[in-house]
C-alpha atoms as a PDB file:
ATOM      1  CA  UNK A   1     104.025  97.488  76.939  1.00  0.00           C
ATOM      2  CA  UNK A   2     101.319  97.198  79.555  1.00  0.00           C
ATOM      3  CA  UNK A   3     102.326  97.581  83.153  1.00  0.00           C
ATOM      4  CA  UNK A   4     100.797  95.812  86.131  1.00  0.00           C
ATOM      5  CA  UNK A   5     100.347  96.373  89.799  1.00  0.00           C
ATOM      6  CA  UNK A   6      99.478  94.246  92.819  1.00  0.00           C
ATOM      7  CA  UNK A   7      96.781  94.356  95.459  1.00  0.00           C
ATOM      8  CA  UNK A   8      97.092  92.468  98.769  1.00  0.00           C
ATOM      9  CA  UNK A   9      93.892  91.385 100.572  1.00  0.00           C
ATOM     10  CA  UNK A  10      93.832  90.339 104.275  1.00  0.00           C
ATOM     11  CA  UNK A  11      91.933  87.108 103.907  1.00  0.00           C
ATOM     12  CA  UNK A  12      91.759  83.823 105.738  1.00  0.00           C
ATOM     13  CA  UNK A  13      90.383  81.937 102.738  1.00  0.00           C
ATOM     14  CA  UNK A  14      91.267  83.988  99.662  1.00  0.00           C
ATOM     15  CA  UNK A  15      87.558  84.601  98.978  1.00  0.00           C
ATOM     16  CA  UNK A  16      86.539  87.146 101.714  1.00  0.00           C
ATOM     17  CA  UNK A  17      88.386  90.102 103.155  1.00  0.00           C
ATOM     18  CA  UNK A  18      87.802  89.126 106.719  1.00  0.00           C
ATOM     19  CA  UNK A  19      90.776  90.194 108.724  1.00  0.00           C
ATOM     20  CA  UNK A  20      92.064  93.280 110.453  1.00  0.00           C
ATOM     21  CA  UNK A  21      95.508  94.121 108.975  1.00  0.00           C
ATOM     22  CA  UNK A  22      97.263  93.581 112.340  1.00  0.00           C
ATOM     23  CA  UNK A  23      95.602  90.115 112.892  1.00  0.00           C
ATOM     24  CA  UNK A  24      96.004  88.812 109.350  1.00  0.00           C
ATOM     25  CA  UNK A  25      98.113  85.612 108.948  1.00  0.00           C
ATOM     26  CA  UNK A  26      97.834  85.477 105.199  1.00  0.00           C
ATOM     27  CA  UNK A  27      97.386  87.924 102.340  1.00  0.00           C
ATOM     28  CA  UNK A  28      96.074  87.076  98.883  1.00  0.00           C
ATOM     29  CA  UNK A  29      98.044  88.869  96.224  1.00  0.00           C
ATOM     30  CA  UNK A  30      96.221  89.878  93.069  1.00  0.00           C
ATOM     31  CA  UNK A  31      97.868  91.242  89.880  1.00  0.00           C
ATOM     32  CA  UNK A  32      96.049  93.736  87.757  1.00  0.00           C
ATOM     33  CA  UNK A  33      97.113  95.133  84.387  1.00  0.00           C
ATOM     34  CA  UNK A  34      97.160  98.947  84.055  1.00  0.00           C
ATOM     35  CA  UNK A  35      94.446  98.630  81.400  1.00  0.00           C
ATOM     36  CA  UNK A  36      92.233  96.979  84.039  1.00  0.00           C
ATOM     37  CA  UNK A  37      92.561  93.361  82.924  1.00  0.00           C
ATOM     38  CA  UNK A  38      92.557  90.827  85.718  1.00  0.00           C
ATOM     39  CA  UNK A  39      92.648  90.630  88.542  1.00  0.00           C
ATOM     40  CA  UNK A  40      94.587  87.332  88.742  1.00  0.00           C
ATOM     41  CA  UNK A  41      95.433  85.643  92.014  1.00  0.00           C
ATOM     42  CA  UNK A  42      99.261  85.387  92.026  1.00  0.00           C
ATOM     43  CA  UNK A  43     100.051  84.172  95.543  1.00  0.00           C
ATOM     44  CA  UNK A  44      99.046  83.767  99.165  1.00  0.00           C
ATOM     45  CA  UNK A  45     101.657  85.125 101.501  1.00  0.00           C
ATOM     46  CA  UNK A  46     101.890  83.883 105.132  1.00  0.00           C
ATOM     47  CA  UNK A  47     103.062  86.545 107.658  1.00  0.00           C
ATOM     48  CA  UNK A  48     103.371  86.764 111.423  1.00  0.00           C
ATOM     49  CA  UNK A  49     100.560  89.114 112.670  1.00  0.00           C
ATOM     50  CA  UNK A  50     102.070  92.244 114.190  1.00  0.00           C
ATOM     51  CA  UNK A  51      99.170  92.753 116.547  1.00  0.00           C
ATOM     52  CA  UNK A  52      99.300  90.408 119.556  1.00  0.00           C
ATOM     53  CA  UNK A  53      97.193  90.791 122.750  1.00  0.00           C
ATOM     54  CA  UNK A  54      96.450  94.475 122.224  1.00  0.00           C
ATOM     55  CA  UNK A  55     100.063  95.505 121.510  1.00  0.00           C
ATOM     56  CA  UNK A  56     102.010  95.936 118.305  1.00  0.00           C
ATOM     57  CA  UNK A  57     105.296  94.288 117.542  1.00  0.00           C
ATOM     58  CA  UNK A  58     107.425  96.826 115.629  1.00  0.00           C
ATOM     59  CA  UNK A  59     109.638  94.171 114.103  1.00  0.00           C
ATOM     60  CA  UNK A  60     106.640  92.073 112.995  1.00  0.00           C
ATOM     61  CA  UNK A  61     105.025  95.239 111.447  1.00  0.00           C
ATOM     62  CA  UNK A  62     108.306  95.904 109.556  1.00  0.00           C
ATOM     63  CA  UNK A  63     108.341  92.277 108.346  1.00  0.00           C
ATOM     64  CA  UNK A  64     104.658  92.380 107.158  1.00  0.00           C
ATOM     65  CA  UNK A  65     105.098  95.642 105.299  1.00  0.00           C
ATOM     66  CA  UNK A  66     108.276  94.367 103.673  1.00  0.00           C
ATOM     67  CA  UNK A  67     106.426  91.205 102.602  1.00  0.00           C
ATOM     68  CA  UNK A  68     103.856  93.456 100.847  1.00  0.00           C
ATOM     69  CA  UNK A  69     106.265  95.970  99.437  1.00  0.00           C
ATOM     70  CA  UNK A  70     105.621  94.955  95.829  1.00  0.00           C
ATOM     71  CA  UNK A  71     101.841  95.839  96.268  1.00  0.00           C
ATOM     72  CA  UNK A  72     100.267  99.149  95.294  1.00  0.00           C
ATOM     73  CA  UNK A  73      97.250  98.633  97.668  1.00  0.00           C
ATOM     74  CA  UNK A  74      96.457  96.626 100.825  1.00  0.00           C
ATOM     75  CA  UNK A  75      92.849  95.827 101.662  1.00  0.00           C
ATOM     76  CA  UNK A  76      91.703  94.780 105.140  1.00  0.00           C
ATOM     77  CA  UNK A  77      88.631  95.077 107.242  1.00  0.00           C
ATOM     78  CA  UNK A  78      90.439  97.694 109.340  1.00  0.00           C
ATOM     79  CA  UNK A  79      93.921  99.086 109.410  1.00  0.00           C
ATOM     80  CA  UNK A  80      95.198 100.988 112.520  1.00  0.00           C
ATOM     81  CA  UNK A  81      96.960 104.346 112.263  1.00  0.00           C
ATOM     82  CA  UNK A  82     100.408 102.860 112.916  1.00  0.00           C
ATOM     83  CA  UNK A  83     100.039 100.192 110.261  1.00  0.00           C
ATOM     84  CA  UNK A  84      98.561 102.689 107.770  1.00  0.00           C
ATOM     85  CA  UNK A  85     101.621 104.956 108.279  1.00  0.00           C
ATOM     86  CA  UNK A  86     104.015 102.016 107.949  1.00  0.00           C
ATOM     87  CA  UNK A  87     102.358 100.973 104.660  1.00  0.00           C
ATOM     88  CA  UNK A  88     102.332 104.578 103.282  1.00  0.00           C
ATOM     89  CA  UNK A  89     106.047 104.883 104.105  1.00  0.00           C
ATOM     90  CA  UNK A  90     106.583 101.991 101.685  1.00  0.00           C
ATOM     91  CA  UNK A  91     104.413 103.634  98.984  1.00  0.00           C
ATOM     92  CA  UNK A  92     101.473 101.329  99.588  1.00  0.00           C
ATOM     93  CA  UNK A  93      97.958 102.737  99.831  1.00  0.00           C
ATOM     94  CA  UNK A  94      96.012 101.175 102.730  1.00  0.00           C
ATOM     95  CA  UNK A  95      92.230 100.744 102.212  1.00  0.00           C
ATOM     96  CA  UNK A  96      89.680  99.497 104.677  1.00  0.00           C
ATOM     97  CA  UNK A  97      86.473  97.585 103.738  1.00  0.00           C
ATOM     98  CA  UNK A  98      85.056  98.232 107.302  1.00  0.00           C
ATOM     99  CA  UNK A  99      83.347  94.847 107.155  1.00  0.00           C
ATOM    100  CA  UNK A 100      83.720  91.403 105.655  1.00  0.00           C
ATOM    101  CA  UNK A 101      83.546  91.779 101.866  1.00  0.00           C
ATOM    102  CA  UNK A 102      84.207  89.384  98.931  1.00  0.00           C
ATOM    103  CA  UNK A 103      87.696  89.944  97.665  1.00  0.00           C
ATOM    104  CA  UNK A 104      86.457  90.124  94.070  1.00  0.00           C
ATOM    105  CA  UNK A 105      84.064  92.968  94.943  1.00  0.00           C
ATOM    106  CA  UNK A 106      86.724  94.935  96.905  1.00  0.00           C
ATOM    107  CA  UNK A 107      89.230  94.501  94.044  1.00  0.00           C
ATOM    108  CA  UNK A 108      86.643  95.792  91.528  1.00  0.00           C
ATOM    109  CA  UNK A 109      86.140  98.874  93.802  1.00  0.00           C
ATOM    110  CA  UNK A 110      89.978  99.381  93.760  1.00  0.00           C
ATOM    111  CA  UNK A 111      89.974  99.249  89.994  1.00  0.00           C
ATOM    112  CA  UNK A 112      87.320 101.986  89.893  1.00  0.00           C
ATOM    113  CA  UNK A 113      89.372 104.077  92.397  1.00  0.00           C
ATOM    114  CA  UNK A 114      92.541 103.450  90.358  1.00  0.00           C
ATOM    115  CA  UNK A 115      90.904 104.663  87.137  1.00  0.00           C
ATOM    116  CA  UNK A 116      89.692 107.838  88.898  1.00  0.00           C
ATOM    117  CA  UNK A 117      93.167 108.492  90.256  1.00  0.00           C
ATOM    118  CA  UNK A 118      94.707 107.890  86.752  1.00  0.00           C
ATOM    119  CA  UNK A 119      92.244 110.402  85.190  1.00  0.00           C
ATOM    120  CA  UNK A 120      92.939 112.875  87.981  1.00  0.00           C
ATOM    121  CA  UNK A 121      96.724 112.605  87.369  1.00  0.00           C
ATOM    122  CA  UNK A 122      96.208 113.088  83.595  1.00  0.00           C
ATOM    123  CA  UNK A 123      94.051 116.199  84.164  1.00  0.00           C
ATOM    124  CA  UNK A 124      96.339 117.673  86.846  1.00  0.00           C
END
């Protein structure tokens, strides 16, 4: 039986990763099969951004990370240290694109990263 995992992308339109994690109002959720098939867009999740006017709302941060708890990776233009720690605490790997990038391109890079991690785990 083939397992799958999910990738969340901070995107205003589902096409480009164009949001800082703390400012994202929606995340596109993609499902990828362990064998690399996919990705398939499964959902768009609306959240309340945890970063408002230069400060972070701890309750909103908790709500966003809970909404993404079924994802293995979160992609965003940037992810602050506190947000990255909150994601890691839930077992989610935060990844930054550092600039606007097509979601499809970023997801393909995650697939390459995932394959390397899988090979490393098998060899280790």
